[in-house]
PDB file of N, CA and C in Angstrom:
ATOM      1  N   MET A   1      17.113  10.222 -13.250  1.00  0.00           N
ATOM      2  CA  MET A   1      16.034   9.972 -12.326  1.00  0.00           C
ATOM      3  C   MET A   1      16.533   9.479 -10.978  1.00  0.00           C
ATOM      4  N   LYS A   2      17.705   8.895 -10.945  1.00  0.00           N
ATOM      5  CA  LYS A   2      18.221   8.373  -9.695  1.00  0.00           C
ATOM      6  C   LYS A   2      18.746   9.486  -8.794  1.00  0.00           C
ATOM      7  N   THR A   3      19.012  10.643  -9.333  1.00  0.00           N
ATOM      8  CA  THR A   3      19.544  11.737  -8.509  1.00  0.00           C
ATOM      9  C   THR A   3      18.466  12.333  -7.615  1.00  0.00           C
ATOM     10  N   LYS A   4      17.223  12.299  -8.045  1.00  0.00           N
ATOM     11  CA  LYS A   4      16.149  12.867  -7.232  1.00  0.00           C
ATOM     12  C   LYS A   4      15.953  12.103  -5.922  1.00  0.00           C
ATOM     13  N   PRO A   5      15.860  10.777  -5.891  1.00  0.00           N
ATOM     14  CA  PRO A   5      15.742  10.065  -4.617  1.00  0.00           C
ATOM     15  C   PRO A   5      16.994  10.223  -3.757  1.00  0.00           C
ATOM     16  N   MET A   6      18.159  10.292  -4.393  1.00  0.00           N
ATOM     17  CA  MET A   6      19.398  10.464  -3.637  1.00  0.00           C
ATOM     18  C   MET A   6      19.445  11.848  -2.981  1.00  0.00           C
ATOM     19  N   ALA A   7      19.015  12.872  -3.688  1.00  0.00           N
ATOM     20  CA  ALA A   7      18.995  14.226  -3.141  1.00  0.00           C
ATOM     21  C   ALA A   7      17.987  14.313  -1.988  1.00  0.00           C
ATOM     22  N   LEU A   8      16.869  13.650  -2.146  1.00  0.00           N
ATOM     23  CA  LEU A   8      15.863  13.639  -1.083  1.00  0.00           C
ATOM     24  C   LEU A   8      16.392  12.927   0.156  1.00  0.00           C
ATOM     25  N   PHE A   9      17.106  11.816  -0.052  1.00  0.00           N
ATOM     26  CA  PHE A   9      17.703  11.080   1.061  1.00  0.00           C
ATOM     27  C   PHE A   9      18.756  11.941   1.776  1.00  0.00           C
ATOM     28  N   LEU A  10      19.598  12.644   1.034  1.00  0.00           N
ATOM     29  CA  LEU A  10      20.614  13.512   1.630  1.00  0.00           C
ATOM     30  C   LEU A  10      19.972  14.682   2.395  1.00  0.00           C
ATOM     31  N   LEU A  11      18.902  15.227   1.848  1.00  0.00           N
ATOM     32  CA  LEU A  11      18.194  16.308   2.529  1.00  0.00           C
ATOM     33  C   LEU A  11      17.612  15.831   3.858  1.00  0.00           C
ATOM     34  N   MET A  12      17.023  14.649   3.872  1.00  0.00           N
ATOM     35  CA  MET A  12      16.462  14.096   5.105  1.00  0.00           C
ATOM     36  C   MET A  12      17.568  13.781   6.114  1.00  0.00           C
ATOM     37  N   LEU A  13      18.706  13.312   5.632  1.00  0.00           N
ATOM     38  CA  LEU A  13      19.840  13.029   6.503  1.00  0.00           C
ATOM     39  C   LEU A  13      20.376  14.305   7.142  1.00  0.00           C
ATOM     40  N   ILE A  14      20.471  15.374   6.380  1.00  0.00           N
ATOM     41  CA  ILE A  14      20.946  16.663   6.901  1.00  0.00           C
ATOM     42  C   ILE A  14      19.953  17.220   7.913  1.00  0.00           C
ATOM     43  N   LEU A  15      18.671  17.143   7.611  1.00  0.00           N
ATOM     44  CA  LEU A  15      17.650  17.636   8.550  1.00  0.00           C
ATOM     45  C   LEU A  15      17.668  16.843   9.851  1.00  0.00           C
ATOM     46  N   GLY A  16      17.862  15.534   9.770  1.00  0.00           N
ATOM     47  CA  GLY A  16      17.950  14.714  10.975  1.00  0.00           C
ATOM     48  C   GLY A  16      19.159  15.079  11.812  1.00  0.00           C
ATOM     49  N   PHE A  17      20.302  15.325  11.173  1.00  0.00           N
ATOM     50  CA  PHE A  17      21.518  15.703  11.896  1.00  0.00           C
ATOM     51  C   PHE A  17      21.363  17.066  12.563  1.00  0.00           C
ATOM     52  N   VAL A  18      20.743  18.006  11.867  1.00  0.00           N
ATOM     53  CA  VAL A  18      20.508  19.340  12.443  1.00  0.00           C
ATOM     54  C   VAL A  18      19.547  19.239  13.624  1.00  0.00           C
ATOM     55  N   ALA A  19      18.534  18.409  13.532  1.00  0.00           N
ATOM     56  CA  ALA A  19      17.605  18.215  14.648  1.00  0.00           C
ATOM     57  C   ALA A  19      18.318  17.603  15.845  1.00  0.00           C
ATOM     58  N   TYR A  20      19.237  16.671  15.607  1.00  0.00           N
ATOM     59  CA  TYR A  20      20.022  16.091  16.696  1.00  0.00           C
ATOM     60  C   TYR A  20      20.889  17.156  17.367  1.00  0.00           C
ATOM     61  N   LEU A  21      21.533  18.003  16.582  1.00  0.00           N
ATOM     62  CA  LEU A  21      22.381  19.053  17.152  1.00  0.00           C
ATOM     63  C   LEU A  21      21.572  20.048  17.978  1.00  0.00           C
ATOM     64  N   ASP A  22      20.324  20.261  17.612  1.00  0.00           N
ATOM     65  CA  ASP A  22      19.464  21.197  18.326  1.00  0.00           C
ATOM     66  C   ASP A  22      18.853  20.578  19.582  1.00  0.00           C
ATOM     67  N   SER A  23      18.910  19.277  19.728  1.00  0.00           N
ATOM     68  CA  SER A  23      18.281  18.604  20.862  1.00  0.00           C
ATOM     69  C   SER A  23      19.144  18.722  22.113  1.00  0.00           C
ATOM     70  N   PRO A  24      18.556  18.538  23.306  1.00  0.00           N
ATOM     71  CA  PRO A  24      19.343  18.598  24.538  1.00  0.00           C
ATOM     72  C   PRO A  24      20.271  17.397  24.713  1.00  0.00           C
ATOM     73  N   PHE A  25      20.166  16.377  23.883  1.00  0.00           N
ATOM     74  CA  PHE A  25      20.988  15.190  24.003  1.00  0.00           C
ATOM     75  C   PHE A  25      22.238  15.235  23.129  1.00  0.00           C
ATOM     76  N   SER A  26      22.431  16.294  22.350  1.00  0.00           N
ATOM     77  CA  SER A  26      23.576  16.334  21.446  1.00  0.00           C
ATOM     78  C   SER A  26      24.867  16.621  22.210  1.00  0.00           C
ATOM     79  N   PHE A  27      25.982  16.386  21.559  1.00  0.00           N
ATOM     80  CA  PHE A  27      27.280  16.624  22.188  1.00  0.00           C
ATOM     81  C   PHE A  27      27.544  18.114  22.384  1.00  0.00           C
ATOM     82  N   LEU A  28      26.843  18.980  21.673  1.00  0.00           N
ATOM     83  CA  LEU A  28      27.000  20.424  21.863  1.00  0.00           C
ATOM     84  C   LEU A  28      26.395  20.885  23.187  1.00  0.00           C
ATOM     85  N   ASN A  29      25.369  20.209  23.650  1.00  0.00           N
ATOM     86  CA  ASN A  29      24.654  20.620  24.867  1.00  0.00           C
ATOM     87  C   ASN A  29      24.965  19.718  26.053  1.00  0.00           C
ATOM     88  N   ILE A  30      26.093  19.049  26.043  1.00  0.00           N
ATOM     89  CA  ILE A  30      26.419  18.103  27.116  1.00  0.00           C
ATOM     90  C   ILE A  30      26.690  18.820  28.444  1.00  0.00           C
ATOM     91  N   ASN A  31      27.118  20.063  28.403  1.00  0.00           N
ATOM     92  CA  ASN A  31      27.444  20.802  29.632  1.00  0.00           C
ATOM     93  C   ASN A  31      26.221  21.439  30.282  1.00  0.00           C
ATOM     94  N   TYR A  32      25.083  21.346  29.651  1.00  0.00           N
ATOM     95  CA  TYR A  32      23.876  21.967  30.180  1.00  0.00           C
ATOM     96  C   TYR A  32      22.955  20.908  30.770  1.00  0.00           C
ATOM     97  N   SER A  33      22.321  21.259  31.866  1.00  0.00           N
ATOM     98  CA  SER A  33      21.438  20.320  32.547  1.00  0.00           C
ATOM     99  C   SER A  33      19.990  20.647  32.205  1.00  0.00           C
ATOM    100  N   TYR A  34      19.265  19.648  31.760  1.00  0.00           N
ATOM    101  CA  TYR A  34      17.849  19.798  31.457  1.00  0.00           C
ATOM    102  C   TYR A  34      17.076  18.881  32.387  1.00  0.00           C
ATOM    103  N   THR A  35      16.422  19.470  33.381  1.00  0.00           N
ATOM    104  CA  THR A  35      15.661  18.666  34.334  1.00  0.00           C
ATOM    105  C   THR A  35      14.213  19.121  34.339  1.00  0.00           C
ATOM    106  N   ALA A  36      13.379  18.332  34.956  1.00  0.00           N
ATOM    107  CA  ALA A  36      11.955  18.635  35.024  1.00  0.00           C
ATOM    108  C   ALA A  36      11.593  19.225  36.382  1.00  0.00           C
ATOM    109  N   GLU A  37      12.494  19.987  36.987  1.00  0.00           N
ATOM    110  CA  GLU A  37      12.203  20.596  38.278  1.00  0.00           C
ATOM    111  C   GLU A  37      11.238  21.760  38.097  1.00  0.00           C
ATOM    112  N   PRO A  38      10.432  22.033  39.109  1.00  0.00           N
ATOM    113  CA  PRO A  38       9.531  23.187  38.988  1.00  0.00           C
ATOM    114  C   PRO A  38      10.318  24.485  39.022  1.00  0.00           C
ATOM    115  N   ALA A  39       9.749  25.505  38.455  1.00  0.00           N
ATOM    116  CA  ALA A  39      10.405  26.808  38.406  1.00  0.00           C
ATOM    117  C   ALA A  39      10.484  27.413  39.803  1.00  0.00           C
ATOM    118  N   ALA A  40      11.509  28.190  40.028  1.00  0.00           N
ATOM    119  CA  ALA A  40      11.679  28.849  41.327  1.00  0.00           C
ATOM    120  C   ALA A  40      10.653  29.960  41.463  1.00  0.00           C
ATOM    121  N   THR A  41      10.115  30.128  42.653  1.00  0.00           N
ATOM    122  CA  THR A  41       9.137  31.176  42.892  1.00  0.00           C
ATOM    123  C   THR A  41       9.758  32.258  43.748  1.00  0.00           C
ATOM    124  N   ALA A  42       9.364  33.475  43.483  1.00  0.00           N
ATOM    125  CA  ALA A  42       9.869  34.617  44.244  1.00  0.00           C
ATOM    126  C   ALA A  42       8.930  34.877  45.417  1.00  0.00           C
ATOM    127  N   GLN A  43       9.493  35.247  46.531  1.00  0.00           N
ATOM    128  CA  GLN A  43       8.708  35.576  47.713  1.00  0.00           C
ATOM    129  C   GLN A  43       8.266  37.025  47.644  1.00  0.00           C
ATOM    130  N   PRO A  44       7.033  37.331  48.031  1.00  0.00           N
ATOM    131  CA  PRO A  44       6.582  38.717  47.999  1.00  0.00           C
ATOM    132  C   PRO A  44       7.298  39.537  49.062  1.00  0.00           C
ATOM    133  N   MET A  45       7.407  40.820  48.773  1.00  0.00           N
ATOM    134  CA  MET A  45       8.059  41.715  49.724  1.00  0.00           C
ATOM    135  C   MET A  45       7.160  41.915  50.934  1.00  0.00           C
ATOM    136  N   SER A  46       7.753  41.914  52.105  1.00  0.00           N
ATOM    137  CA  SER A  46       6.965  42.121  53.318  1.00  0.00           C
ATOM    138  C   SER A  46       6.804  43.609  53.623  1.00  0.00           C
ATOM    139  N   LYS A  47       7.622  44.435  52.996  1.00  0.00           N
ATOM    140  CA  LYS A  47       7.593  45.864  53.250  1.00  0.00           C
ATOM    141  C   LYS A  47       6.677  46.549  52.245  1.00  0.00           C
ATOM    142  N   SER A  48       5.795  47.407  52.690  1.00  0.00           N
ATOM    143  CA  SER A  48       4.903  48.112  51.781  1.00  0.00           C
ATOM    144  C   SER A  48       5.606  49.333  51.215  1.00  0.00           C
ATOM    145  N   VAL A  49       4.998  49.905  50.198  1.00  0.00           N
ATOM    146  CA  VAL A  49       5.574  51.078  49.555  1.00  0.00           C
ATOM    147  C   VAL A  49       5.502  52.255  50.515  1.00  0.00           C
ATOM    148  N   THR A  50       6.609  52.955  50.649  1.00  0.00           N
ATOM    149  CA  THR A  50       6.637  54.103  51.553  1.00  0.00           C
ATOM    150  C   THR A  50       6.010  55.311  50.877  1.00  0.00           C
ATOM    151  N   SER A  51       5.757  56.339  51.657  1.00  0.00           N
ATOM    152  CA  SER A  51       5.136  57.542  51.112  1.00  0.00           C
ATOM    153  C   SER A  51       6.117  58.377  50.307  1.00  0.00           C
ATOM    154  N   ASP A  52       7.417  58.027  50.362  1.00  0.00           N
ATOM    155  CA  ASP A  52       8.411  58.791  49.619  1.00  0.00           C
ATOM    156  C   ASP A  52       8.429  58.460  48.138  1.00  0.00           C
ATOM    157  N   THR A  53       8.033  57.241  47.778  1.00  0.00           N
ATOM    158  CA  THR A  53       8.074  56.835  46.380  1.00  0.00           C
ATOM    159  C   THR A  53       6.676  56.898  45.775  1.00  0.00           C
ATOM    160  N   PRO A  54       6.496  57.716  44.740  1.00  0.00           N
ATOM    161  CA  PRO A  54       5.173  57.811  44.119  1.00  0.00           C
ATOM    162  C   PRO A  54       4.931  56.670  43.140  1.00  0.00           C
ATOM    163  N   VAL A  55       3.678  56.353  42.950  1.00  0.00           N
ATOM    164  CA  VAL A  55       3.236  55.386  41.960  1.00  0.00           C
ATOM    165  C   VAL A  55       2.530  56.182  40.874  1.00  0.00           C
ATOM    166  N   THR A  56       2.838  55.922  39.616  1.00  0.00           N
ATOM    167  CA  THR A  56       2.189  56.665  38.537  1.00  0.00           C
ATOM    168  C   THR A  56       0.924  55.943  38.109  1.00  0.00           C
ATOM    169  N   GLU A  57      -0.126  56.721  37.943  1.00  0.00           N
ATOM    170  CA  GLU A  57      -1.416  56.215  37.483  1.00  0.00           C
ATOM    171  C   GLU A  57      -1.945  57.144  36.412  1.00  0.00           C
ATOM    172  N   GLU A  58      -2.708  56.579  35.487  1.00  0.00           N
ATOM    173  CA  GLU A  58      -3.358  57.387  34.463  1.00  0.00           C
ATOM    174  C   GLU A  58      -4.841  57.460  34.763  1.00  0.00           C
ATOM    175  N   LYS A  59      -5.375  58.693  34.670  1.00  0.00           N
ATOM    176  CA  LYS A  59      -6.802  58.897  34.931  1.00  0.00           C
ATOM    177  C   LYS A  59      -7.447  59.565  33.728  1.00  0.00           C
ATOM    178  N   LEU A  60      -8.695  59.182  33.484  1.00  0.00           N
ATOM    179  CA  LEU A  60      -9.446  59.715  32.353  1.00  0.00           C
ATOM    180  C   LEU A  60      -9.752  61.184  32.585  1.00  0.00           C
ATOM    181  N   VAL A  61      -9.358  62.028  31.620  1.00  0.00           N
ATOM    182  CA  VAL A  61      -9.596  63.464  31.715  1.00  0.00           C
ATOM    183  C   VAL A  61     -10.844  63.839  30.921  1.00  0.00           C
ATOM    184  N   LYS A  62     -10.909  63.394  29.658  1.00  0.00           N
ATOM    185  CA  LYS A  62     -12.090  63.696  28.842  1.00  0.00           C
ATOM    186  C   LYS A  62     -12.314  62.595  27.822  1.00  0.00           C
ATOM    187  N   LYS A  63     -13.570  62.513  27.383  1.00  0.00           N
ATOM    188  CA  LYS A  63     -13.993  61.522  26.397  1.00  0.00           C
ATOM    189  C   LYS A  63     -14.898  62.243  25.418  1.00  0.00           C
ATOM    190  N   GLU A  64     -14.539  62.201  24.134  1.00  0.00           N
ATOM    191  CA  GLU A  64     -15.323  62.929  23.139  1.00  0.00           C
ATOM    192  C   GLU A  64     -15.421  62.129  21.850  1.00  0.00           C
ATOM    193  N   LYS A  65     -16.391  62.482  20.998  1.00  0.00           N
ATOM    194  CA  LYS A  65     -16.584  61.825  19.713  1.00  0.00           C
ATOM    195  C   LYS A  65     -16.067  62.752  18.618  1.00  0.00           C
ATOM    196  N   GLN A  66     -15.254  62.187  17.712  1.00  0.00           N
ATOM    197  CA  GLN A  66     -14.695  62.943  16.598  1.00  0.00           C
ATOM    198  C   GLN A  66     -14.737  62.094  15.336  1.00  0.00           C
ATOM    199  N   ASN A  67     -15.508  62.499  14.334  1.00  0.00           N
ATOM    200  CA  ASN A  67     -15.560  61.851  13.022  1.00  0.00           C
ATOM    201  C   ASN A  67     -15.790  60.342  13.091  1.00  0.00           C
ATOM    202  N   GLY A  68     -16.712  59.909  13.918  1.00  0.00           N
ATOM    203  CA  GLY A  68     -17.022  58.494  14.040  1.00  0.00           C
ATOM    204  C   GLY A  68     -16.116  57.731  14.992  1.00  0.00           C
ATOM    205  N   TYR A  69     -15.206  58.413  15.625  1.00  0.00           N
ATOM    206  CA  TYR A  69     -14.299  57.787  16.587  1.00  0.00           C
ATOM    207  C   TYR A  69     -14.588  58.322  17.983  1.00  0.00           C
ATOM    208  N   ILE A  70     -14.255  57.531  18.977  1.00  0.00           N
ATOM    209  CA  ILE A  70     -14.297  57.984  20.366  1.00  0.00           C
ATOM    210  C   ILE A  70     -12.849  58.214  20.785  1.00  0.00           C
ATOM    211  N   VAL A  71     -12.556  59.410  21.276  1.00  0.00           N
ATOM    212  CA  VAL A  71     -11.200  59.768  21.686  1.00  0.00           C
ATOM    213  C   VAL A  71     -11.210  59.978  23.196  1.00  0.00           C
ATOM    214  N   GLU A  72     -10.415  59.188  23.897  1.00  0.00           N
ATOM    215  CA  GLU A  72     -10.286  59.315  25.348  1.00  0.00           C
ATOM    216  C   GLU A  72      -8.902  59.891  25.660  1.00  0.00           C
ATOM    217  N   THR A  73      -8.869  60.903  26.509  1.00  0.00           N
ATOM    218  CA  THR A  73      -7.607  61.524  26.901  1.00  0.00           C
ATOM    219  C   THR A  73      -7.338  61.195  28.361  1.00  0.00           C
ATOM    220  N   TYR A  74      -6.148  60.672  28.626  1.00  0.00           N
ATOM    221  CA  TYR A  74      -5.738  60.304  29.971  1.00  0.00           C
ATOM    222  C   TYR A  74      -4.565  61.181  30.397  1.00  0.00           C
ATOM    223  N   ARG A  75      -4.502  61.503  31.690  1.00  0.00           N
ATOM    224  CA  ARG A  75      -3.391  62.260  32.244  1.00  0.00           C
ATOM    225  C   ARG A  75      -2.703  61.422  33.311  1.00  0.00           C
ATOM    226  N   GLU A  76      -1.390  61.523  33.352  1.00  0.00           N
ATOM    227  CA  GLU A  76      -0.613  60.761  34.317  1.00  0.00           C
ATOM    228  C   GLU A  76      -0.503  61.538  35.623  1.00  0.00           C
ATOM    229  N   TYR A  77      -0.690  60.823  36.732  1.00  0.00           N
ATOM    230  CA  TYR A  77      -0.590  61.417  38.067  1.00  0.00           C
ATOM    231  C   TYR A  77       0.432  60.642  38.885  1.00  0.00           C
ATOM    232  N   GLU A  78       1.180  61.356  39.723  1.00  0.00           N
ATOM    233  CA  GLU A  78       2.036  60.717  40.710  1.00  0.00           C
ATOM    234  C   GLU A  78       1.212  60.603  41.987  1.00  0.00           C
ATOM    235  N   VAL A  79       0.983  59.377  42.435  1.00  0.00           N
ATOM    236  CA  VAL A  79       0.128  59.143  43.593  1.00  0.00           C
ATOM    237  C   VAL A  79       1.008  58.713  44.762  1.00  0.00           C
ATOM    238  N   TYR A  80       0.906  59.435  45.853  1.00  0.00           N
ATOM    239  CA  TYR A  80       1.644  59.108  47.075  1.00  0.00           C
ATOM    240  C   TYR A  80       0.694  58.424  48.048  1.00  0.00           C
ATOM    241  N   LYS A  81       1.148  57.307  48.640  1.00  0.00           N
ATOM    242  CA  LYS A  81       0.299  56.551  49.562  1.00  0.00           C
ATOM    243  C   LYS A  81       1.010  56.388  50.897  1.00  0.00           C
ATOM    244  N   ASP A  82       0.213  56.237  51.953  1.00  0.00           N
ATOM    245  CA  ASP A  82       0.793  55.998  53.279  1.00  0.00           C
ATOM    246  C   ASP A  82       0.988  54.504  53.494  1.00  0.00           C
ATOM    247  N   GLY A  83       1.350  54.103  54.692  1.00  0.00           N
ATOM    248  CA  GLY A  83       1.638  52.711  55.003  1.00  0.00           C
ATOM    249  C   GLY A  83       0.459  51.777  54.822  1.00  0.00           C
ATOM    250  N   GLU A  84      -0.770  52.263  55.032  1.00  0.00           N
ATOM    251  CA  GLU A  84      -1.965  51.428  54.878  1.00  0.00           C
ATOM    252  C   GLU A  84      -2.490  51.390  53.450  1.00  0.00           C
ATOM    253  N   GLY A  85      -1.886  52.162  52.544  1.00  0.00           N
ATOM    254  CA  GLY A  85      -2.343  52.182  51.164  1.00  0.00           C
ATOM    255  C   GLY A  85      -3.323  53.291  50.854  1.00  0.00           C
ATOM    256  N   ASN A  86      -3.558  54.201  51.811  1.00  0.00           N
ATOM    257  CA  ASN A  86      -4.449  55.327  51.564  1.00  0.00           C
ATOM    258  C   ASN A  86      -3.710  56.405  50.776  1.00  0.00           C
ATOM    259  N   VAL A  87      -4.410  57.043  49.846  1.00  0.00           N
ATOM    260  CA  VAL A  87      -3.808  58.083  49.018  1.00  0.00           C
ATOM    261  C   VAL A  87      -3.642  59.346  49.858  1.00  0.00           C
ATOM    262  N   THR A  88      -2.404  59.851  49.931  1.00  0.00           N
ATOM    263  CA  THR A  88      -2.151  61.073  50.690  1.00  0.00           C
ATOM    264  C   THR A  88      -2.033  62.285  49.786  1.00  0.00           C
ATOM    265  N   LYS A  89      -1.504  62.079  48.559  1.00  0.00           N
ATOM    266  CA  LYS A  89      -1.318  63.208  47.663  1.00  0.00           C
ATOM    267  C   LYS A  89      -1.308  62.711  46.222  1.00  0.00           C
ATOM    268  N   GLU A  90      -1.906  63.514  45.322  1.00  0.00           N
ATOM    269  CA  GLU A  90      -1.876  63.241  43.886  1.00  0.00           C
ATOM    270  C   GLU A  90      -1.313  64.466  43.180  1.00  0.00           C
ATOM    271  N   VAL A  91      -0.235  64.260  42.426  1.00  0.00           N
ATOM    272  CA  VAL A  91       0.398  65.366  41.710  1.00  0.00           C
ATOM    273  C   VAL A  91       0.280  65.090  40.212  1.00  0.00           C
ATOM    274  N   PRO A  92      -0.392  65.968  39.440  1.00  0.00           N
ATOM    275  CA  PRO A  92      -0.495  65.742  37.999  1.00  0.00           C
ATOM    276  C   PRO A  92       0.839  66.024  37.307  1.00  0.00           C
ATOM    277  N   THR A  93       1.154  65.214  36.319  1.00  0.00           N
ATOM    278  CA  THR A  93       2.361  65.436  35.527  1.00  0.00           C
ATOM    279  C   THR A  93       1.963  66.042  34.189  1.00  0.00           C
ATOM    280  N   SER A  94       2.930  66.281  33.343  1.00  0.00           N
ATOM    281  CA  SER A  94       2.650  66.877  32.034  1.00  0.00           C
ATOM    282  C   SER A  94       2.429  65.826  30.952  1.00  0.00           C
ATOM    283  N   GLU A  95       2.355  64.561  31.316  1.00  0.00           N
ATOM    284  CA  GLU A  95       2.185  63.472  30.349  1.00  0.00           C
ATOM    285  C   GLU A  95       0.710  63.208  30.081  1.00  0.00           C
ATOM    286  N   TYR A  96       0.346  63.191  28.791  1.00  0.00           N
ATOM    287  CA  TYR A  96      -1.011  62.874  28.353  1.00  0.00           C
ATOM    288  C   TYR A  96      -0.951  61.717  27.366  1.00  0.00           C
ATOM    289  N   ASP A  97      -1.968  60.876  27.370  1.00  0.00           N
ATOM    290  CA  ASP A  97      -2.115  59.798  26.401  1.00  0.00           C
ATOM    291  C   ASP A  97      -3.512  59.870  25.810  1.00  0.00           C
ATOM    292  N   GLU A  98      -3.597  59.602  24.500  1.00  0.00           N
ATOM    293  CA  GLU A  98      -4.898  59.572  23.839  1.00  0.00           C
ATOM    294  C   GLU A  98      -5.160  58.182  23.288  1.00  0.00           C
ATOM    295  N   LEU A  99      -6.366  57.717  23.509  1.00  0.00           N
ATOM    296  CA  LEU A  99      -6.830  56.437  22.979  1.00  0.00           C
ATOM    297  C   LEU A  99      -7.921  56.745  21.972  1.00  0.00           C
ATOM    298  N   LYS A 100      -7.757  56.278  20.740  1.00  0.00           N
ATOM    299  CA  LYS A 100      -8.741  56.556  19.696  1.00  0.00           C
ATOM    300  C   LYS A 100      -9.249  55.231  19.157  1.00  0.00           C
ATOM    301  N   PHE A 101     -10.555  55.023  19.207  1.00  0.00           N
ATOM    302  CA  PHE A 101     -11.120  53.794  18.680  1.00  0.00           C
ATOM    303  C   PHE A 101     -12.459  54.068  18.023  1.00  0.00           C
ATOM    304  N   TRP A 102     -12.827  53.200  17.090  1.00  0.00           N
ATOM    305  CA  TRP A 102     -14.023  53.364  16.275  1.00  0.00           C
ATOM    306  C   TRP A 102     -15.271  53.173  17.131  1.00  0.00           C
ATOM    307  N   ASP A 103     -16.249  54.051  16.934  1.00  0.00           N
ATOM    308  CA  ASP A 103     -17.523  53.974  17.639  1.00  0.00           C
ATOM    309  C   ASP A 103     -18.464  53.080  16.830  1.00  0.00           C
ATOM    310  N   TYR A 104     -18.655  51.849  17.272  1.00  0.00           N
ATOM    311  CA  TYR A 104     -19.500  50.899  16.544  1.00  0.00           C
ATOM    312  C   TYR A 104     -20.974  51.208  16.681  1.00  0.00           C
ATOM    313  N   LYS A 105     -21.349  52.028  17.643  1.00  0.00           N
ATOM    314  CA  LYS A 105     -22.749  52.408  17.781  1.00  0.00           C
ATOM    315  C   LYS A 105     -23.118  53.483  16.785  1.00  0.00           C
ATOM    316  N   ASN A 106     -22.139  54.089  16.166  1.00  0.00           N
ATOM    317  CA  ASN A 106     -22.363  55.139  15.192  1.00  0.00           C
ATOM    318  C   ASN A 106     -22.946  54.528  13.919  1.00  0.00           C
ATOM    319  N   LYS A 107     -24.103  55.021  13.479  1.00  0.00           N
ATOM    320  CA  LYS A 107     -24.783  54.472  12.305  1.00  0.00           C
ATOM    321  C   LYS A 107     -24.205  55.021  11.007  1.00  0.00           C
ATOM    322  N   LYS A 108     -23.483  56.113  11.072  1.00  0.00           N
ATOM    323  CA  LYS A 108     -22.937  56.765   9.905  1.00  0.00           C
ATOM    324  C   LYS A 108     -21.717  56.005   9.378  1.00  0.00           C
ATOM    325  N   LYS A 109     -21.559  55.848   8.072  1.00  0.00           N
ATOM    326  CA  LYS A 109     -20.406  55.139   7.523  1.00  0.00           C
ATOM    327  C   LYS A 109     -19.521  56.055   6.782  1.00  0.00           C
TER     328      LYS A 109
END
């Protein structure tokens, strides 16, 4: 019966030592600095996107009901914009995505 309390004490001692090693105050982490400084923030770019680089967007092509599901098909487009952000050209690509989700308005089970 005395081995059970001793084993429990050893287990707690090992867990405490492992927690110390994992803490920022242990001798393993002495070379690392842990401070409460705020995170660095990135500055936004002052240059807008040029018309040479397209931005890809997905647009809804069709929406249909199939076996109690609603299936939406999207097509990817390369969108070219000018300096003010106006769309100058849209080029469709060969990429399609389908979204399928259950139609909860459907009364049929």
